[in-house]
Amino acid sequence: MHKSDLVESVANTADLPKDKANDVVSAIFEEITNALSRDDSVNLVGFGSFTQRHRAARTGRSPKTGETIQIPASTSVGFKPGKALKDAVN
């Protein structure tokens, strides 16, 4: 499902015009992004939680040359599905 499909589904479900549904979906994504950038977690009961995950710097090996390289520290987003989502998928 793409964002446009999600917007269309929200518009149909909530009986909204597509432009308003697009504003709602965009606002939700923006607020999740803003919360994660502040290192806050986002917990949507029944759906799941989004958190920042920090990776320490480490040493790796280039598969092409076999030489040792330094991989810098990084931050990514983790998602842990809630029980209701797991049950719906299984």
N, C-alpha and C. Protein backbone atom coordinates (compact mmCIF):
# COMPACT_ATOMS: atom_id res chain seq x y z
N MET A 1 0.84 -1.17 0.00
CA MET A 1 0.00 0.00 0.00
C MET A 1 0.89 1.24 0.00
N HIS A 2 0.57 2.15 -0.87
CA HIS A 2 1.30 3.42 -0.95
C HIS A 2 0.52 4.49 -0.20
N LYS A 3 1.16 5.63 0.01
CA LYS A 3 0.51 6.72 0.74
C LYS A 3 -0.80 7.12 0.07
N SER A 4 -0.83 7.18 -1.26
CA SER A 4 -2.05 7.57 -1.96
C SER A 4 -3.18 6.57 -1.71
N ASP A 5 -2.84 5.28 -1.61
CA ASP A 5 -3.84 4.26 -1.29
C ASP A 5 -4.36 4.45 0.14
N LEU A 6 -3.45 4.77 1.05
CA LEU A 6 -3.84 5.00 2.43
C LEU A 6 -4.75 6.22 2.53
N VAL A 7 -4.41 7.29 1.82
CA VAL A 7 -5.23 8.51 1.83
C VAL A 7 -6.63 8.19 1.29
N GLU A 8 -6.70 7.45 0.22
CA GLU A 8 -7.99 7.10 -0.36
C GLU A 8 -8.82 6.26 0.62
N SER A 9 -8.19 5.32 1.29
CA SER A 9 -8.88 4.48 2.25
C SER A 9 -9.39 5.29 3.44
N VAL A 10 -8.56 6.22 3.94
CA VAL A 10 -8.97 7.08 5.05
C VAL A 10 -10.12 7.97 4.62
N ALA A 11 -10.04 8.51 3.41
CA ALA A 11 -11.11 9.37 2.89
C ALA A 11 -12.43 8.60 2.82
N ASN A 12 -12.40 7.37 2.35
CA ASN A 12 -13.62 6.57 2.25
C ASN A 12 -14.15 6.17 3.62
N THR A 13 -13.25 5.76 4.52
CA THR A 13 -13.66 5.30 5.85
C THR A 13 -14.23 6.44 6.69
N ALA A 14 -13.57 7.60 6.65
CA ALA A 14 -13.98 8.73 7.49
C ALA A 14 -14.93 9.68 6.78
N ASP A 15 -15.31 9.37 5.54
CA ASP A 15 -16.21 10.21 4.75
C ASP A 15 -15.67 11.64 4.66
N LEU A 16 -14.40 11.73 4.23
CA LEU A 16 -13.72 13.02 4.06
C LEU A 16 -13.34 13.20 2.60
N PRO A 17 -13.18 14.46 2.18
CA PRO A 17 -12.60 14.68 0.85
C PRO A 17 -11.14 14.22 0.85
N LYS A 18 -10.65 13.83 -0.31
CA LYS A 18 -9.27 13.30 -0.39
C LYS A 18 -8.23 14.31 0.07
N ASP A 19 -8.43 15.61 -0.22
CA ASP A 19 -7.43 16.59 0.20
C ASP A 19 -7.37 16.71 1.72
N LYS A 20 -8.51 16.61 2.40
CA LYS A 20 -8.52 16.64 3.87
C LYS A 20 -7.90 15.36 4.44
N ALA A 21 -8.20 14.23 3.83
CA ALA A 21 -7.61 12.96 4.28
C ALA A 21 -6.10 12.99 4.10
N ASN A 22 -5.63 13.59 3.00
CA ASN A 22 -4.20 13.72 2.77
C ASN A 22 -3.56 14.59 3.85
N ASP A 23 -4.25 15.68 4.23
CA ASP A 23 -3.73 16.55 5.30
C ASP A 23 -3.63 15.78 6.62
N VAL A 24 -4.63 14.96 6.91
CA VAL A 24 -4.63 14.18 8.16
C VAL A 24 -3.48 13.17 8.17
N VAL A 25 -3.34 12.42 7.09
CA VAL A 25 -2.28 11.40 7.02
C VAL A 25 -0.91 12.07 7.09
N SER A 26 -0.73 13.18 6.38
CA SER A 26 0.55 13.90 6.40
C SER A 26 0.84 14.44 7.79
N ALA A 27 -0.17 14.95 8.49
CA ALA A 27 0.02 15.47 9.84
C ALA A 27 0.43 14.36 10.80
N ILE A 28 -0.16 13.19 10.66
CA ILE A 28 0.21 12.06 11.52
C ILE A 28 1.66 11.67 11.30
N PHE A 29 2.06 11.54 10.03
CA PHE A 29 3.45 11.19 9.73
C PHE A 29 4.41 12.25 10.25
N GLU A 30 4.04 13.52 10.10
CA GLU A 30 4.91 14.61 10.55
C GLU A 30 5.07 14.60 12.06
N GLU A 31 3.99 14.34 12.79
CA GLU A 31 4.08 14.31 14.25
C GLU A 31 4.89 13.11 14.74
N ILE A 32 4.77 11.97 14.09
CA ILE A 32 5.59 10.81 14.45
C ILE A 32 7.07 11.14 14.21
N THR A 33 7.35 11.76 13.06
CA THR A 33 8.73 12.15 12.73
C THR A 33 9.28 13.15 13.74
N ASN A 34 8.47 14.16 14.10
CA ASN A 34 8.92 15.17 15.06
C ASN A 34 9.20 14.55 16.43
N ALA A 35 8.34 13.67 16.88
CA ALA A 35 8.54 13.03 18.18
C ALA A 35 9.82 12.20 18.18
N LEU A 36 10.05 11.44 17.11
CA LEU A 36 11.26 10.61 17.04
C LEU A 36 12.52 11.46 16.95
N SER A 37 12.43 12.62 16.28
CA SER A 37 13.61 13.48 16.19
C SER A 37 13.95 14.10 17.55
N ARG A 38 12.95 14.20 18.45
CA ARG A 38 13.19 14.68 19.81
C ARG A 38 13.59 13.54 20.75
N ASP A 39 13.76 12.34 20.21
CA ASP A 39 14.08 11.12 20.97
C ASP A 39 12.95 10.69 21.88
N ASP A 40 11.71 11.05 21.52
CA ASP A 40 10.52 10.56 22.21
C ASP A 40 10.05 9.30 21.49
N SER A 41 9.45 8.39 22.22
CA SER A 41 8.86 7.23 21.57
C SER A 41 7.41 7.54 21.24
N VAL A 42 6.87 6.84 20.25
CA VAL A 42 5.47 7.00 19.85
C VAL A 42 4.80 5.66 20.07
N ASN A 43 3.84 5.63 21.00
CA ASN A 43 3.13 4.39 21.33
C ASN A 43 1.69 4.50 20.89
N LEU A 44 1.30 3.66 19.94
CA LEU A 44 -0.07 3.61 19.45
C LEU A 44 -0.65 2.29 19.95
N VAL A 45 -1.44 2.37 21.01
CA VAL A 45 -1.97 1.17 21.67
C VAL A 45 -2.73 0.31 20.67
N GLY A 46 -2.38 -0.96 20.63
CA GLY A 46 -3.00 -1.90 19.72
C GLY A 46 -2.31 -1.98 18.37
N PHE A 47 -1.54 -0.96 18.01
CA PHE A 47 -0.84 -0.96 16.73
C PHE A 47 0.64 -1.26 16.92
N GLY A 48 1.32 -0.46 17.74
CA GLY A 48 2.73 -0.69 17.98
C GLY A 48 3.42 0.56 18.48
N SER A 49 4.74 0.48 18.60
CA SER A 49 5.51 1.63 19.08
C SER A 49 6.73 1.85 18.20
N PHE A 50 7.01 3.13 17.99
CA PHE A 50 8.18 3.57 17.25
C PHE A 50 9.18 4.15 18.24
N THR A 51 10.44 3.77 18.13
CA THR A 51 11.48 4.30 19.01
C THR A 51 12.75 4.54 18.20
N GLN A 52 13.59 5.42 18.74
CA GLN A 52 14.91 5.61 18.14
C GLN A 52 15.80 4.49 18.62
N ARG A 53 16.62 3.97 17.72
CA ARG A 53 17.59 2.94 18.09
C ARG A 53 18.97 3.46 17.73
N HIS A 54 19.88 3.35 18.69
CA HIS A 54 21.24 3.86 18.51
C HIS A 54 22.19 2.68 18.31
N ARG A 55 23.01 2.79 17.28
CA ARG A 55 24.04 1.78 17.02
C ARG A 55 25.40 2.38 17.31
N ALA A 56 26.20 1.66 18.03
CA ALA A 56 27.55 2.12 18.34
C ALA A 56 28.45 1.95 17.12
N ALA A 57 29.54 2.71 17.09
CA ALA A 57 30.53 2.54 16.03
C ALA A 57 31.14 1.15 16.16
N ARG A 58 31.50 0.58 15.03
CA ARG A 58 32.06 -0.77 15.06
C ARG A 58 33.00 -0.97 13.88
N THR A 59 33.72 -2.07 13.94
CA THR A 59 34.64 -2.42 12.87
C THR A 59 33.97 -3.46 11.99
N GLY A 60 34.06 -3.27 10.69
CA GLY A 60 33.48 -4.22 9.76
C GLY A 60 34.50 -4.62 8.72
N ARG A 61 34.06 -5.40 7.75
CA ARG A 61 34.95 -5.86 6.70
C ARG A 61 34.26 -5.63 5.37
N SER A 62 34.98 -5.03 4.45
CA SER A 62 34.46 -4.79 3.11
C SER A 62 34.35 -6.12 2.37
N PRO A 63 33.15 -6.50 1.90
CA PRO A 63 33.03 -7.78 1.21
C PRO A 63 33.76 -7.80 -0.14
N LYS A 64 33.96 -6.63 -0.72
CA LYS A 64 34.61 -6.57 -2.03
C LYS A 64 36.12 -6.79 -1.92
N THR A 65 36.75 -6.06 -0.98
CA THR A 65 38.21 -6.12 -0.88
C THR A 65 38.71 -6.95 0.30
N GLY A 66 37.84 -7.18 1.29
CA GLY A 66 38.25 -7.92 2.47
C GLY A 66 38.98 -7.06 3.49
N GLU A 67 39.14 -5.77 3.21
CA GLU A 67 39.87 -4.91 4.14
C GLU A 67 38.95 -4.48 5.28
N THR A 68 39.56 -4.21 6.45
CA THR A 68 38.82 -3.78 7.63
C THR A 68 38.45 -2.31 7.48
N ILE A 69 37.18 -1.98 7.82
CA ILE A 69 36.73 -0.59 7.74
C ILE A 69 36.03 -0.23 9.04
N GLN A 70 36.00 1.07 9.33
CA GLN A 70 35.29 1.57 10.49
C GLN A 70 33.88 1.96 10.07
N ILE A 71 32.88 1.44 10.74
CA ILE A 71 31.48 1.80 10.50
C ILE A 71 31.09 2.79 11.59
N PRO A 72 30.68 4.00 11.22
CA PRO A 72 30.38 5.02 12.22
C PRO A 72 29.09 4.71 12.99
N ALA A 73 28.94 5.35 14.15
CA ALA A 73 27.72 5.22 14.93
C ALA A 73 26.56 5.79 14.14
N SER A 74 25.37 5.26 14.35
CA SER A 74 24.20 5.76 13.63
C SER A 74 22.95 5.62 14.48
N THR A 75 21.92 6.31 14.06
CA THR A 75 20.62 6.26 14.71
C THR A 75 19.60 5.84 13.67
N SER A 76 18.71 4.94 14.04
CA SER A 76 17.66 4.52 13.13
C SER A 76 16.35 4.45 13.90
N VAL A 77 15.29 4.08 13.21
CA VAL A 77 13.98 3.98 13.82
C VAL A 77 13.62 2.50 13.94
N GLY A 78 13.14 2.14 15.12
CA GLY A 78 12.68 0.78 15.33
C GLY A 78 11.18 0.76 15.52
N PHE A 79 10.55 -0.31 15.09
CA PHE A 79 9.11 -0.47 15.26
C PHE A 79 8.85 -1.82 15.91
N LYS A 80 8.06 -1.81 16.97
CA LYS A 80 7.67 -3.05 17.63
C LYS A 80 6.15 -3.14 17.54
N PRO A 81 5.65 -4.13 16.81
CA PRO A 81 4.19 -4.24 16.65
C PRO A 81 3.50 -4.60 17.96
N GLY A 82 2.28 -4.08 18.12
CA GLY A 82 1.46 -4.40 19.27
C GLY A 82 0.76 -5.74 19.11
N LYS A 83 0.17 -6.21 20.19
CA LYS A 83 -0.48 -7.52 20.18
C LYS A 83 -1.63 -7.58 19.19
N ALA A 84 -2.43 -6.52 19.12
CA ALA A 84 -3.58 -6.53 18.20
C ALA A 84 -3.12 -6.62 16.74
N LEU A 85 -2.04 -5.93 16.40
CA LEU A 85 -1.50 -5.99 15.04
C LEU A 85 -0.95 -7.38 14.75
N LYS A 86 -0.22 -7.95 15.69
CA LYS A 86 0.31 -9.31 15.50
C LYS A 86 -0.82 -10.31 15.30
N ASP A 87 -1.86 -10.18 16.12
CA ASP A 87 -2.99 -11.11 16.02
C ASP A 87 -3.72 -10.95 14.69
N ALA A 88 -3.84 -9.72 14.19
CA ALA A 88 -4.53 -9.47 12.93
C ALA A 88 -3.75 -10.05 11.75
N VAL A 89 -2.43 -10.05 11.85
CA VAL A 89 -1.60 -10.54 10.75
C VAL A 89 -1.54 -12.07 10.75
N ASN A 90 -1.53 -12.66 11.93
CA ASN A 90 -1.42 -14.13 12.03
C ASN A 90 -2.73 -14.83 11.89
